[in-house]
Amino acid sequence: MGANEVYVHALDVSKTASVEAFVAWAKEKIRSSSGEVQNLHVLINNAGGALGLDPVIEGKDEDWEAMLQSNVLGLLRMTRAALPLMPHHAGAGILNIGSYAARVAYEGGSAYCAAKAGLSMLTQVAALELGPRGIRVNAVAPGFVHTPLTAPAAAVPGMVEEYLENTALGRAGTPEDIANAVLYLCSAAASWLTGEVLDLNGGAHLKRYPDILGHVMKLADAQ
């Protein structure tokens, strides 16, 4: 694999067989011209998502299972499968993408908040266990970032405005904000940093989460 080559391969992190097939494919892609399998230096776990806004007593088992599969168990599967390719010395790193919902609760977010909290703790436990192998494990916990994925939430009247009111820096994030933090955490500049869950949200974790459920209910009533 050349320095400027990029390959894309779809997989389902909720399925062990899919993850194992992906890692086998990646193993061949990083094989050198002489046939030697080269090391995998960085793994970024960025799969995840959110489903519904059900209160705790109304939450569906399948929604909870989907949240845990995509945000926690998928991360675990990827980490387990990739570890044999990672060097047992300083320089390798695992970076997980979480959410500030792991520490700031909101009504209707029980499954999502619990899953992201699980991701944060799994990051710290993995950092303890993999530290002796020289592998660092960190996470970034973004706040609201303008992306196609968050566009439906941004379209709900009052949602973004309330988020900004409760953000110390008064603005939403950009993909570049997250990318810059990820680049740092995966680089040699962060070689003495592990077990960190970086709150990257403009200070939103210092205040409160927007009333997502309330805004959605108002929108439904108006239609």
Protein backbone atom coordinates (compact mmCIF):
# COMPACT_ATOMS: atom_id res chain seq x y z
CA MET A 1 0.00 0.00 0.00
CA GLY A 2 1.52 3.30 -1.08
CA ALA A 3 1.69 6.37 1.13
CA ASN A 4 -0.98 8.20 -0.86
CA GLU A 5 -3.32 5.29 -1.54
CA VAL A 6 -6.80 5.13 -0.04
CA TYR A 7 -9.06 2.07 -0.06
CA VAL A 8 -12.71 1.79 0.94
CA HIS A 9 -14.48 -1.33 2.17
CA ALA A 10 -18.00 -1.49 3.65
CA LEU A 11 -18.71 -3.58 6.74
CA ASP A 12 -21.24 -4.06 9.52
CA VAL A 13 -19.65 -3.63 12.96
CA SER A 14 -22.62 -5.39 14.58
CA LYS A 15 -21.59 -8.65 12.89
CA THR A 16 -18.42 -10.44 14.01
CA ALA A 17 -18.00 -12.17 10.66
CA SER A 18 -18.19 -8.86 8.81
CA VAL A 19 -15.55 -7.31 11.08
CA GLU A 20 -13.22 -10.28 10.71
CA ALA A 21 -13.62 -10.23 6.93
CA PHE A 22 -12.80 -6.53 6.88
CA VAL A 23 -9.64 -6.98 8.95
CA ALA A 24 -8.54 -9.86 6.70
CA TRP A 25 -9.05 -7.56 3.69
CA ALA A 26 -7.12 -4.74 5.39
CA LYS A 27 -4.31 -7.16 6.23
CA GLU A 28 -3.81 -7.84 2.54
CA LYS A 29 -3.91 -4.13 1.70
CA ILE A 30 -1.05 -3.32 4.10
CA ARG A 31 1.10 -6.19 2.87
CA SER A 32 4.41 -4.94 1.48
CA SER A 33 5.67 -5.64 -2.03
CA SER A 34 7.84 -8.40 -0.57
CA GLY A 35 4.79 -10.09 0.91
CA GLU A 36 5.37 -9.08 4.53
CA VAL A 37 2.34 -7.89 6.50
CA GLN A 38 3.06 -4.42 7.81
CA ASN A 39 1.85 -3.00 11.08
CA LEU A 40 -1.47 -1.24 11.55
CA HIS A 41 -0.58 1.89 13.51
CA VAL A 42 -3.95 3.57 14.01
CA LEU A 43 -7.51 2.33 14.42
CA ILE A 44 -10.32 4.90 14.50
CA ASN A 45 -13.70 3.58 15.62
CA ASN A 46 -16.28 5.99 14.20
CA ALA A 47 -19.37 3.81 13.72
CA GLY A 48 -22.43 4.76 15.74
CA GLY A 49 -25.79 6.44 15.66
CA ALA A 50 -28.93 7.31 17.57
CA LEU A 51 -32.45 5.93 17.40
CA GLY A 52 -35.65 7.46 18.71
CA LEU A 53 -36.43 9.63 21.74
CA ASP A 54 -38.25 7.15 23.93
CA PRO A 55 -38.52 7.76 27.69
CA VAL A 56 -36.88 5.13 29.90
CA ILE A 57 -40.15 3.32 30.66
CA GLU A 58 -41.13 3.20 26.99
CA GLY A 59 -37.78 2.28 25.43
CA LYS A 60 -37.84 -0.70 23.08
CA ASP A 61 -35.41 -3.55 23.59
CA GLU A 62 -34.47 -3.53 19.93
CA ASP A 63 -33.51 0.17 20.09
CA TRP A 64 -31.31 -0.44 23.11
CA GLU A 65 -29.70 -3.41 21.40
CA ALA A 66 -29.05 -1.37 18.26
CA MET A 67 -27.42 1.41 20.31
CA LEU A 68 -25.15 -0.99 22.17
CA GLN A 69 -24.26 -2.88 19.00
CA SER A 70 -23.20 0.20 17.02
CA ASN A 71 -21.65 2.29 19.82
CA VAL A 72 -20.09 -0.26 22.18
CA LEU A 73 -19.99 -3.85 20.92
CA GLY A 74 -19.00 -2.80 17.40
CA LEU A 75 -16.08 -0.85 18.84
CA LEU A 76 -15.09 -3.90 20.91
CA ARG A 77 -15.23 -6.20 17.88
CA MET A 78 -13.09 -3.85 15.79
CA THR A 79 -10.52 -3.46 18.56
CA ARG A 80 -10.22 -7.19 19.17
CA ALA A 81 -9.89 -7.98 15.48
CA ALA A 82 -7.34 -5.26 14.75
CA LEU A 83 -5.04 -5.83 17.74
CA PRO A 84 -3.04 -8.71 16.17
CA LEU A 85 -1.95 -6.29 13.42
CA MET A 86 -0.85 -3.55 15.82
CA PRO A 87 2.78 -3.33 16.96
CA HIS A 88 3.59 -4.13 20.59
CA HIS A 89 5.56 -0.96 21.18
CA ALA A 90 5.01 2.75 21.59
CA GLY A 91 3.47 4.38 18.55
CA ALA A 92 0.21 2.51 17.96
CA GLY A 93 -3.08 4.09 18.89
CA ILE A 94 -6.82 3.47 19.01
CA LEU A 95 -9.20 6.43 18.82
CA ASN A 96 -12.92 6.13 19.55
CA ILE A 97 -15.55 8.71 18.60
CA GLY A 98 -18.06 9.22 21.39
CA SER A 99 -20.39 12.05 22.39
CA TYR A 100 -20.88 14.55 25.16
CA ALA A 101 -24.17 12.74 25.72
CA ALA A 102 -22.00 10.32 27.71
CA ARG A 103 -21.88 12.85 30.55
CA VAL A 104 -24.77 15.28 29.90
CA ALA A 105 -28.21 13.66 30.05
CA TYR A 106 -31.30 14.64 28.09
CA GLU A 107 -34.88 13.40 28.21
CA GLY A 108 -35.54 10.66 25.69
CA GLY A 109 -31.86 9.83 25.32
CA SER A 110 -31.53 6.90 27.73
CA ALA A 111 -30.29 4.34 25.21
CA TYR A 112 -27.96 6.74 23.38
CA CYS A 113 -26.54 8.32 26.55
CA ALA A 114 -25.98 4.92 28.16
CA ALA A 115 -24.27 3.56 25.04
CA LYS A 116 -21.95 6.55 24.74
CA ALA A 117 -21.13 6.35 28.46
CA GLY A 118 -20.25 2.71 27.88
CA LEU A 119 -17.95 3.75 25.03
CA SER A 120 -16.15 6.22 27.31
CA MET A 121 -15.57 3.64 30.05
CA LEU A 122 -14.52 0.96 27.55
CA THR A 123 -11.95 3.45 26.24
CA GLN A 124 -10.46 3.87 29.70
CA VAL A 125 -10.43 0.15 30.52
CA ALA A 126 -8.78 -0.64 27.18
CA ALA A 127 -6.17 2.05 27.85
CA LEU A 128 -5.28 0.34 31.14
CA GLU A 129 -5.08 -3.13 29.63
CA LEU A 130 -3.25 -2.21 26.41
CA GLY A 131 -0.84 0.29 27.95
CA PRO A 132 1.80 -2.39 28.70
CA ARG A 133 1.80 -3.22 24.99
CA GLY A 134 2.53 0.42 24.14
CA ILE A 135 -0.90 0.92 22.58
CA ARG A 136 -2.68 4.15 23.50
CA VAL A 137 -6.47 4.30 23.61
CA ASN A 138 -8.30 7.63 23.65
CA ALA A 139 -11.66 9.07 22.62
CA VAL A 140 -13.14 12.31 21.35
CA ALA A 141 -16.59 13.28 22.66
CA PRO A 142 -18.02 15.90 20.26
CA GLY A 143 -20.96 18.18 20.85
CA PHE A 144 -23.24 19.32 18.05
CA VAL A 145 -21.43 19.33 14.71
CA HIS A 146 -23.01 20.40 11.41
CA THR A 147 -22.96 17.30 9.18
CA PRO A 148 -25.51 15.55 6.93
CA LEU A 149 -26.18 13.17 9.84
CA THR A 150 -27.23 16.01 12.17
CA ALA A 151 -29.15 17.96 9.51
CA PRO A 152 -32.57 16.55 10.56
CA ALA A 153 -31.99 17.68 14.16
CA ALA A 154 -30.80 21.09 12.97
CA ALA A 155 -34.00 21.47 10.97
CA VAL A 156 -36.17 21.26 14.12
CA PRO A 157 -37.13 24.85 15.05
CA GLY A 158 -35.27 26.14 18.09
CA MET A 159 -32.94 23.14 18.42
CA VAL A 160 -29.68 24.70 17.25
CA GLU A 161 -30.48 28.02 18.92
CA GLU A 162 -30.89 26.35 22.31
CA TYR A 163 -27.70 24.36 21.82
CA LEU A 164 -25.75 27.55 21.09
CA GLU A 165 -27.27 29.26 24.14
CA ASN A 166 -25.84 26.44 26.24
CA THR A 167 -22.41 26.39 24.61
CA ALA A 168 -19.69 28.52 26.19
CA LEU A 169 -18.10 29.42 22.83
CA GLY A 170 -21.49 30.09 21.24
CA ARG A 171 -21.09 28.07 18.06
CA ALA A 172 -21.60 24.59 16.70
CA GLY A 173 -18.65 22.44 15.72
CA THR A 174 -17.31 21.67 12.27
CA PRO A 175 -15.91 18.41 10.90
CA GLU A 176 -12.52 20.14 10.82
CA ASP A 177 -12.71 20.76 14.58
CA ILE A 178 -13.08 17.03 15.16
CA ALA A 179 -10.50 16.05 12.53
CA ASN A 180 -7.85 18.29 14.09
CA ALA A 181 -8.35 16.70 17.51
CA VAL A 182 -8.28 13.20 16.04
CA LEU A 183 -5.08 14.00 14.16
CA TYR A 184 -3.42 15.18 17.37
CA LEU A 185 -4.53 12.19 19.46
CA CYS A 186 -3.31 9.76 16.81
CA SER A 187 0.04 11.50 16.35
CA ALA A 188 3.39 11.21 18.10
CA ALA A 189 2.66 14.59 19.73
CA ALA A 190 0.22 12.73 22.02
CA SER A 191 2.60 9.85 22.78
CA TRP A 192 2.15 10.22 26.57
CA LEU A 193 -1.63 10.50 26.45
CA THR A 194 -3.92 7.53 26.97
CA GLY A 195 -7.28 6.89 28.61
CA GLU A 196 -8.43 10.41 27.73
CA VAL A 197 -12.02 11.17 26.70
CA LEU A 198 -11.70 14.64 25.21
CA ASP A 199 -14.74 16.88 25.59
CA LEU A 200 -14.76 18.68 22.26
CA ASN A 201 -17.96 20.69 22.30
CA GLY A 202 -17.20 24.38 22.73
CA GLY A 203 -17.91 24.11 26.45
CA ALA A 204 -21.40 22.64 26.07
CA HIS A 205 -20.66 20.06 28.76
CA LEU A 206 -20.43 22.93 31.27
CA LYS A 207 -24.12 23.76 30.88
CA ARG A 208 -27.00 21.54 29.81
CA TYR A 209 -28.28 19.57 26.86
CA PRO A 210 -31.00 21.15 24.70
CA ASP A 211 -34.57 19.96 25.33
CA ILE A 212 -34.57 17.72 22.27
CA LEU A 213 -37.74 15.86 23.21
CA GLY A 214 -39.59 19.11 23.90
CA HIS A 215 -38.63 20.64 20.55
CA VAL A 216 -39.64 17.49 18.65
CA MET A 217 -43.00 17.34 20.45
CA LYS A 218 -43.70 21.01 19.65
CA LEU A 219 -42.91 20.36 15.99
CA ALA A 220 -45.23 17.33 15.96
CA ASP A 221 -48.03 19.33 17.55
CA ALA A 222 -47.65 22.08 14.95
CA GLN A 223 -48.00 19.70 12.02
